[in-house]
């Protein structure tokens, strides 16, 4: 059995509030050995990780972006997300954005309409 590839994952809409799904995703990504990078301009740090104001501020290559922002909040970020050239974008329930999906897919970025927590729990991440 081969080990799953560990990824650097940007969590857009990360939150320090433990009842939020973005917080749970940060925890679960780390439990599965992935590097979870929080992205939210409102916070300096989440779960001991430096929180970046935008995906463009992350100095390392991001392989996956997991979205926890509604369309209204993610629309202004479309170009920046596509410019980051992640391998894929996961649009969690409530974070679906068809405009982002269209532009990302045109740039060769895989788009999944899925739940990061479920993907991690079922081995589908």
N, C-alpha and C. Protein backbone atom coordinates (compact mmCIF):
# COMPACT_ATOMS: atom_id res chain seq x y z
N UNK A 1 0.85 -1.19 0.00
CA UNK A 1 0.00 0.00 0.00
C UNK A 1 0.89 1.24 0.00
N UNK A 2 0.66 2.12 -0.94
CA UNK A 2 1.47 3.33 -1.01
C UNK A 2 0.84 4.43 -0.17
N UNK A 3 1.68 5.24 0.40
CA UNK A 3 1.19 6.36 1.22
C UNK A 3 0.64 7.45 0.31
N UNK A 4 -0.39 8.13 0.79
CA UNK A 4 -0.96 9.24 0.04
C UNK A 4 0.04 10.39 0.02
N UNK A 5 0.02 11.16 -1.04
CA UNK A 5 0.92 12.30 -1.15
C UNK A 5 0.44 13.39 -0.21
N UNK A 6 1.34 13.88 0.61
CA UNK A 6 1.00 14.97 1.52
C UNK A 6 1.08 16.28 0.76
N UNK A 7 0.15 17.17 1.02
CA UNK A 7 0.04 18.40 0.26
C UNK A 7 0.09 19.64 1.14
N UNK A 8 0.44 20.75 0.50
CA UNK A 8 0.31 22.07 1.11
C UNK A 8 -1.06 22.58 0.69
N UNK A 9 -1.90 22.87 1.68
CA UNK A 9 -3.29 23.23 1.44
C UNK A 9 -3.58 24.61 2.01
N UNK A 10 -4.03 25.53 1.15
CA UNK A 10 -4.46 26.85 1.61
C UNK A 10 -5.93 26.75 2.00
N UNK A 11 -6.25 27.18 3.22
CA UNK A 11 -7.62 27.15 3.72
C UNK A 11 -8.17 28.57 3.64
N UNK A 12 -8.89 28.88 2.55
CA UNK A 12 -9.45 30.22 2.36
C UNK A 12 -10.69 30.39 3.22
N UNK A 13 -10.66 31.40 4.08
CA UNK A 13 -11.75 31.62 5.02
C UNK A 13 -11.48 30.91 6.33
N UNK A 14 -10.21 30.61 6.61
CA UNK A 14 -9.83 29.95 7.86
C UNK A 14 -10.34 30.77 9.05
N UNK A 15 -10.66 30.07 10.13
CA UNK A 15 -11.21 30.72 11.31
C UNK A 15 -10.62 30.12 12.58
N UNK A 16 -10.41 30.96 13.62
CA UNK A 16 -9.95 30.44 14.91
C UNK A 16 -11.11 29.91 15.77
N UNK A 17 -12.34 29.99 15.25
CA UNK A 17 -13.51 29.56 16.01
C UNK A 17 -13.71 28.06 15.83
N UNK A 18 -13.62 27.32 16.92
CA UNK A 18 -13.60 25.85 16.86
C UNK A 18 -14.89 25.24 16.31
N UNK A 19 -15.98 25.97 16.29
CA UNK A 19 -17.23 25.41 15.76
C UNK A 19 -17.35 25.58 14.24
N UNK A 20 -16.41 26.28 13.62
CA UNK A 20 -16.47 26.52 12.17
C UNK A 20 -15.85 25.34 11.42
N UNK A 21 -16.42 25.02 10.26
CA UNK A 21 -15.89 23.91 9.45
C UNK A 21 -14.47 24.20 8.97
N UNK A 22 -14.15 25.46 8.71
CA UNK A 22 -12.79 25.80 8.27
C UNK A 22 -11.76 25.46 9.36
N UNK A 23 -12.13 25.66 10.60
CA UNK A 23 -11.26 25.32 11.73
C UNK A 23 -11.09 23.80 11.79
N UNK A 24 -12.19 23.09 11.66
CA UNK A 24 -12.14 21.62 11.70
C UNK A 24 -11.30 21.09 10.53
N UNK A 25 -11.41 21.74 9.39
CA UNK A 25 -10.61 21.31 8.23
C UNK A 25 -9.12 21.51 8.52
N UNK A 26 -8.76 22.64 9.12
CA UNK A 26 -7.36 22.86 9.49
C UNK A 26 -6.86 21.73 10.39
N UNK A 27 -7.66 21.40 11.40
CA UNK A 27 -7.27 20.33 12.33
C UNK A 27 -7.12 19.00 11.60
N UNK A 28 -8.11 18.65 10.80
CA UNK A 28 -8.12 17.34 10.16
C UNK A 28 -7.03 17.23 9.09
N UNK A 29 -6.78 18.30 8.37
CA UNK A 29 -5.69 18.28 7.38
C UNK A 29 -4.37 17.98 8.09
N UNK A 30 -4.15 18.64 9.21
CA UNK A 30 -2.92 18.42 9.98
C UNK A 30 -2.85 16.99 10.51
N UNK A 31 -3.98 16.47 10.99
CA UNK A 31 -4.02 15.10 11.51
C UNK A 31 -3.65 14.09 10.42
N UNK A 32 -3.97 14.42 9.17
CA UNK A 32 -3.67 13.54 8.05
C UNK A 32 -2.29 13.85 7.45
N UNK A 33 -1.52 14.72 8.11
CA UNK A 33 -0.15 14.98 7.69
C UNK A 33 0.04 16.05 6.65
N UNK A 34 -1.05 16.71 6.24
CA UNK A 34 -0.94 17.79 5.26
C UNK A 34 -0.51 19.07 5.95
N UNK A 35 0.06 19.97 5.20
CA UNK A 35 0.41 21.29 5.73
C UNK A 35 -0.76 22.23 5.43
N UNK A 36 -1.47 22.63 6.45
CA UNK A 36 -2.63 23.51 6.31
C UNK A 36 -2.21 24.95 6.57
N UNK A 37 -2.41 25.80 5.58
CA UNK A 37 -2.03 27.21 5.70
C UNK A 37 -3.31 28.05 5.75
N UNK A 38 -3.55 28.72 6.88
CA UNK A 38 -4.76 29.54 6.99
C UNK A 38 -4.64 30.83 6.19
N UNK A 39 -5.75 31.21 5.54
CA UNK A 39 -5.80 32.45 4.77
C UNK A 39 -7.05 33.22 5.21
N UNK A 40 -6.82 34.35 5.85
CA UNK A 40 -7.90 35.22 6.29
C UNK A 40 -7.26 36.53 6.78
N UNK A 41 -7.58 37.66 6.16
CA UNK A 41 -6.95 38.92 6.56
C UNK A 41 -7.32 39.39 7.96
N UNK A 42 -8.30 38.77 8.58
CA UNK A 42 -8.75 39.20 9.91
C UNK A 42 -7.91 38.65 11.06
N UNK A 43 -7.04 37.67 10.77
CA UNK A 43 -6.30 37.02 11.86
C UNK A 43 -4.81 36.93 11.55
N UNK A 44 -3.99 36.94 12.61
CA UNK A 44 -2.54 36.81 12.47
C UNK A 44 -2.10 35.35 12.51
N UNK A 45 -2.86 34.54 13.26
CA UNK A 45 -2.46 33.16 13.49
C UNK A 45 -3.70 32.32 13.81
N UNK A 46 -3.69 31.08 13.30
CA UNK A 46 -4.76 30.13 13.62
C UNK A 46 -4.10 28.78 13.88
N UNK A 47 -4.42 28.19 15.02
CA UNK A 47 -3.84 26.89 15.43
C UNK A 47 -2.32 26.91 15.38
N UNK A 48 -1.74 28.05 15.76
CA UNK A 48 -0.28 28.17 15.80
C UNK A 48 0.37 28.39 14.45
N UNK A 49 -0.41 28.49 13.38
CA UNK A 49 0.13 28.71 12.04
C UNK A 49 -0.05 30.18 11.66
N UNK A 50 0.96 30.74 11.02
CA UNK A 50 0.85 32.11 10.51
C UNK A 50 -0.33 32.16 9.55
N UNK A 51 -1.19 33.13 9.73
CA UNK A 51 -2.36 33.30 8.87
C UNK A 51 -2.05 34.39 7.84
N UNK A 52 -2.18 34.07 6.58
CA UNK A 52 -1.86 35.02 5.51
C UNK A 52 -3.11 35.79 5.11
N UNK A 53 -2.93 37.08 4.78
CA UNK A 53 -4.09 37.89 4.40
C UNK A 53 -4.70 37.48 3.06
N UNK A 54 -3.88 36.89 2.18
CA UNK A 54 -4.38 36.45 0.88
C UNK A 54 -3.54 35.29 0.37
N UNK A 55 -4.08 34.55 -0.57
CA UNK A 55 -3.35 33.40 -1.11
C UNK A 55 -2.07 33.85 -1.82
N UNK A 56 -2.10 35.04 -2.39
CA UNK A 56 -0.92 35.58 -3.07
C UNK A 56 0.23 35.88 -2.12
N UNK A 57 -0.04 35.96 -0.83
CA UNK A 57 1.00 36.25 0.16
C UNK A 57 1.72 34.99 0.65
N UNK A 58 1.21 33.83 0.32
CA UNK A 58 1.85 32.58 0.75
C UNK A 58 3.12 32.38 -0.07
N UNK A 59 4.27 32.26 0.60
CA UNK A 59 5.54 32.17 -0.15
C UNK A 59 5.78 30.81 -0.79
N UNK A 60 5.08 29.78 -0.33
CA UNK A 60 5.31 28.43 -0.84
C UNK A 60 4.27 28.04 -1.90
N UNK A 61 4.60 27.03 -2.67
CA UNK A 61 3.67 26.50 -3.67
C UNK A 61 2.50 25.84 -2.95
N UNK A 62 1.29 26.20 -3.35
CA UNK A 62 0.08 25.63 -2.78
C UNK A 62 -0.47 24.61 -3.78
N UNK A 63 -0.65 23.38 -3.33
CA UNK A 63 -1.16 22.34 -4.22
C UNK A 63 -2.68 22.30 -4.26
N UNK A 64 -3.31 22.55 -3.12
CA UNK A 64 -4.77 22.53 -3.04
C UNK A 64 -5.25 23.78 -2.32
N UNK A 65 -6.34 24.34 -2.83
CA UNK A 65 -7.04 25.43 -2.14
C UNK A 65 -8.39 24.86 -1.72
N UNK A 66 -8.70 24.94 -0.44
CA UNK A 66 -10.02 24.52 0.03
C UNK A 66 -10.78 25.78 0.45
N UNK A 67 -11.95 25.95 -0.14
CA UNK A 67 -12.71 27.19 -0.01
C UNK A 67 -13.76 27.11 1.10
N UNK A 68 -13.72 28.12 1.97
CA UNK A 68 -14.74 28.29 3.01
C UNK A 68 -15.27 29.72 2.96
N UNK A 69 -15.40 30.24 1.75
CA UNK A 69 -15.94 31.58 1.54
C UNK A 69 -17.11 31.48 0.58
N UNK A 70 -18.18 32.20 0.86
CA UNK A 70 -19.30 32.24 -0.07
C UNK A 70 -18.92 33.00 -1.34
N UNK A 71 -19.74 32.86 -2.37
CA UNK A 71 -19.47 33.47 -3.67
C UNK A 71 -19.21 34.98 -3.57
N UNK A 72 -19.99 35.67 -2.79
CA UNK A 72 -19.84 37.12 -2.66
C UNK A 72 -18.44 37.49 -2.17
N UNK A 73 -17.90 36.70 -1.25
CA UNK A 73 -16.56 36.98 -0.71
C UNK A 73 -15.45 36.43 -1.59
N UNK A 74 -15.74 35.39 -2.38
CA UNK A 74 -14.68 34.81 -3.21
C UNK A 74 -14.60 35.44 -4.60
N UNK A 75 -15.67 36.07 -5.07
CA UNK A 75 -15.63 36.72 -6.40
C UNK A 75 -14.43 37.65 -6.58
N UNK A 76 -14.13 38.54 -5.61
CA UNK A 76 -12.99 39.43 -5.80
C UNK A 76 -11.63 38.71 -5.78
N UNK A 77 -11.61 37.45 -5.39
CA UNK A 77 -10.36 36.71 -5.27
C UNK A 77 -10.08 35.79 -6.45
N UNK A 78 -11.00 35.73 -7.41
CA UNK A 78 -10.88 34.76 -8.51
C UNK A 78 -9.54 34.85 -9.22
N UNK A 79 -9.15 36.03 -9.66
CA UNK A 79 -7.90 36.16 -10.42
C UNK A 79 -6.70 35.75 -9.57
N UNK A 80 -6.70 36.14 -8.31
CA UNK A 80 -5.59 35.82 -7.41
C UNK A 80 -5.48 34.31 -7.18
N UNK A 81 -6.61 33.65 -7.03
CA UNK A 81 -6.61 32.19 -6.83
C UNK A 81 -6.08 31.49 -8.07
N UNK A 82 -6.55 31.90 -9.23
CA UNK A 82 -6.09 31.29 -10.49
C UNK A 82 -4.60 31.55 -10.70
N UNK A 83 -4.15 32.76 -10.37
CA UNK A 83 -2.72 33.11 -10.50
C UNK A 83 -1.82 32.23 -9.64
N UNK A 84 -2.34 31.77 -8.49
CA UNK A 84 -1.57 30.92 -7.59
C UNK A 84 -1.32 29.53 -8.19
N UNK A 85 -2.10 29.17 -9.19
CA UNK A 85 -1.94 27.90 -9.91
C UNK A 85 -1.89 26.66 -9.02
N UNK A 86 -2.89 26.51 -8.13
CA UNK A 86 -2.92 25.26 -7.36
C UNK A 86 -3.27 24.11 -8.31
N UNK A 87 -3.00 22.89 -7.90
CA UNK A 87 -3.38 21.73 -8.69
C UNK A 87 -4.90 21.58 -8.71
N UNK A 88 -5.52 21.89 -7.56
CA UNK A 88 -6.98 21.79 -7.49
C UNK A 88 -7.56 22.76 -6.48
N UNK A 89 -8.85 22.99 -6.64
CA UNK A 89 -9.64 23.81 -5.73
C UNK A 89 -10.80 22.95 -5.25
N UNK A 90 -10.99 22.89 -3.94
CA UNK A 90 -12.14 22.18 -3.37
C UNK A 90 -13.14 23.24 -2.92
N UNK A 91 -14.34 23.19 -3.49
CA UNK A 91 -15.40 24.12 -3.10
C UNK A 91 -16.32 23.39 -2.15
N UNK A 92 -16.15 23.68 -0.88
CA UNK A 92 -16.95 23.04 0.16
C UNK A 92 -18.39 23.53 0.07
N UNK A 93 -19.35 22.76 0.63
CA UNK A 93 -20.74 23.19 0.60
C UNK A 93 -20.90 24.61 1.14
N UNK A 94 -21.58 25.44 0.37
CA UNK A 94 -21.77 26.84 0.73
C UNK A 94 -20.71 27.75 0.14
N UNK A 95 -19.65 27.18 -0.43
CA UNK A 95 -18.56 27.97 -1.01
C UNK A 95 -18.48 27.79 -2.53
N UNK A 96 -19.54 27.28 -3.12
CA UNK A 96 -19.54 27.06 -4.56
C UNK A 96 -19.47 28.39 -5.31
N UNK A 97 -18.67 28.42 -6.37
CA UNK A 97 -18.53 29.62 -7.18
C UNK A 97 -18.26 29.16 -8.62
N UNK A 98 -19.31 29.15 -9.44
CA UNK A 98 -19.19 28.67 -10.82
C UNK A 98 -18.27 29.55 -11.66
N UNK A 99 -18.23 30.86 -11.38
CA UNK A 99 -17.33 31.75 -12.14
C UNK A 99 -15.88 31.38 -11.86
N UNK A 100 -15.55 31.12 -10.61
CA UNK A 100 -14.21 30.69 -10.25
C UNK A 100 -13.91 29.34 -10.90
N UNK A 101 -14.86 28.41 -10.84
CA UNK A 101 -14.66 27.08 -11.42
C UNK A 101 -14.36 27.18 -12.91
N UNK A 102 -15.11 28.00 -13.63
CA UNK A 102 -14.91 28.15 -15.08
C UNK A 102 -13.52 28.68 -15.38
N UNK A 103 -13.11 29.72 -14.67
CA UNK A 103 -11.78 30.31 -14.92
C UNK A 103 -10.66 29.37 -14.49
N UNK A 104 -10.85 28.68 -13.39
CA UNK A 104 -9.83 27.74 -12.91
C UNK A 104 -9.67 26.59 -13.89
N UNK A 105 -10.77 26.00 -14.33
CA UNK A 105 -10.69 24.88 -15.27
C UNK A 105 -10.07 25.31 -16.59
N UNK A 106 -10.35 26.54 -17.03
CA UNK A 106 -9.73 27.06 -18.26
C UNK A 106 -8.22 27.19 -18.10
N UNK A 107 -7.77 27.36 -16.85
CA UNK A 107 -6.33 27.48 -16.57
C UNK A 107 -5.71 26.12 -16.24
N UNK A 108 -6.49 25.05 -16.38
CA UNK A 108 -5.95 23.71 -16.12
C UNK A 108 -5.98 23.28 -14.67
N UNK A 109 -6.77 23.96 -13.85
CA UNK A 109 -6.87 23.64 -12.42
C UNK A 109 -8.11 22.76 -12.21
N UNK A 110 -7.92 21.65 -11.52
CA UNK A 110 -9.02 20.74 -11.20
C UNK A 110 -9.93 21.41 -10.17
N UNK A 111 -11.24 21.27 -10.34
CA UNK A 111 -12.20 21.83 -9.39
C UNK A 111 -13.09 20.71 -8.88
N UNK A 112 -13.16 20.59 -7.56
CA UNK A 112 -14.02 19.59 -6.93
C UNK A 112 -15.09 20.30 -6.11
N UNK A 113 -16.35 19.96 -6.35
CA UNK A 113 -17.43 20.41 -5.49
C UNK A 113 -17.60 19.30 -4.47
N UNK A 114 -16.97 19.46 -3.31
CA UNK A 114 -16.93 18.39 -2.32
C UNK A 114 -16.68 18.98 -0.94
N UNK A 115 -16.70 18.13 0.06
CA UNK A 115 -16.42 18.55 1.43
C UNK A 115 -15.05 18.01 1.83
N UNK A 116 -14.16 18.90 2.19
CA UNK A 116 -12.80 18.50 2.59
C UNK A 116 -12.84 17.50 3.74
N UNK A 117 -13.72 17.72 4.72
CA UNK A 117 -13.79 16.83 5.87
C UNK A 117 -14.19 15.41 5.44
N UNK A 118 -15.15 15.31 4.53
CA UNK A 118 -15.58 14.00 4.05
C UNK A 118 -14.49 13.35 3.22
N UNK A 119 -13.84 14.13 2.35
CA UNK A 119 -12.76 13.59 1.53
C UNK A 119 -11.64 13.02 2.41
N UNK A 120 -11.29 13.72 3.46
CA UNK A 120 -10.24 13.24 4.36
C UNK A 120 -10.67 11.97 5.09
N UNK A 121 -11.91 11.93 5.54
CA UNK A 121 -12.40 10.78 6.31
C UNK A 121 -12.58 9.53 5.46
N UNK A 122 -12.80 9.72 4.17
CA UNK A 122 -13.07 8.56 3.29
C UNK A 122 -11.87 8.18 2.44
N UNK A 123 -10.74 8.87 2.62
CA UNK A 123 -9.56 8.55 1.84
C UNK A 123 -9.59 9.12 0.43
N UNK A 124 -10.51 10.02 0.15
CA UNK A 124 -10.65 10.60 -1.17
C UNK A 124 -9.89 11.89 -1.38
N UNK A 125 -9.16 12.32 -0.36
CA UNK A 125 -8.44 13.59 -0.48
C UNK A 125 -7.25 13.41 -1.41
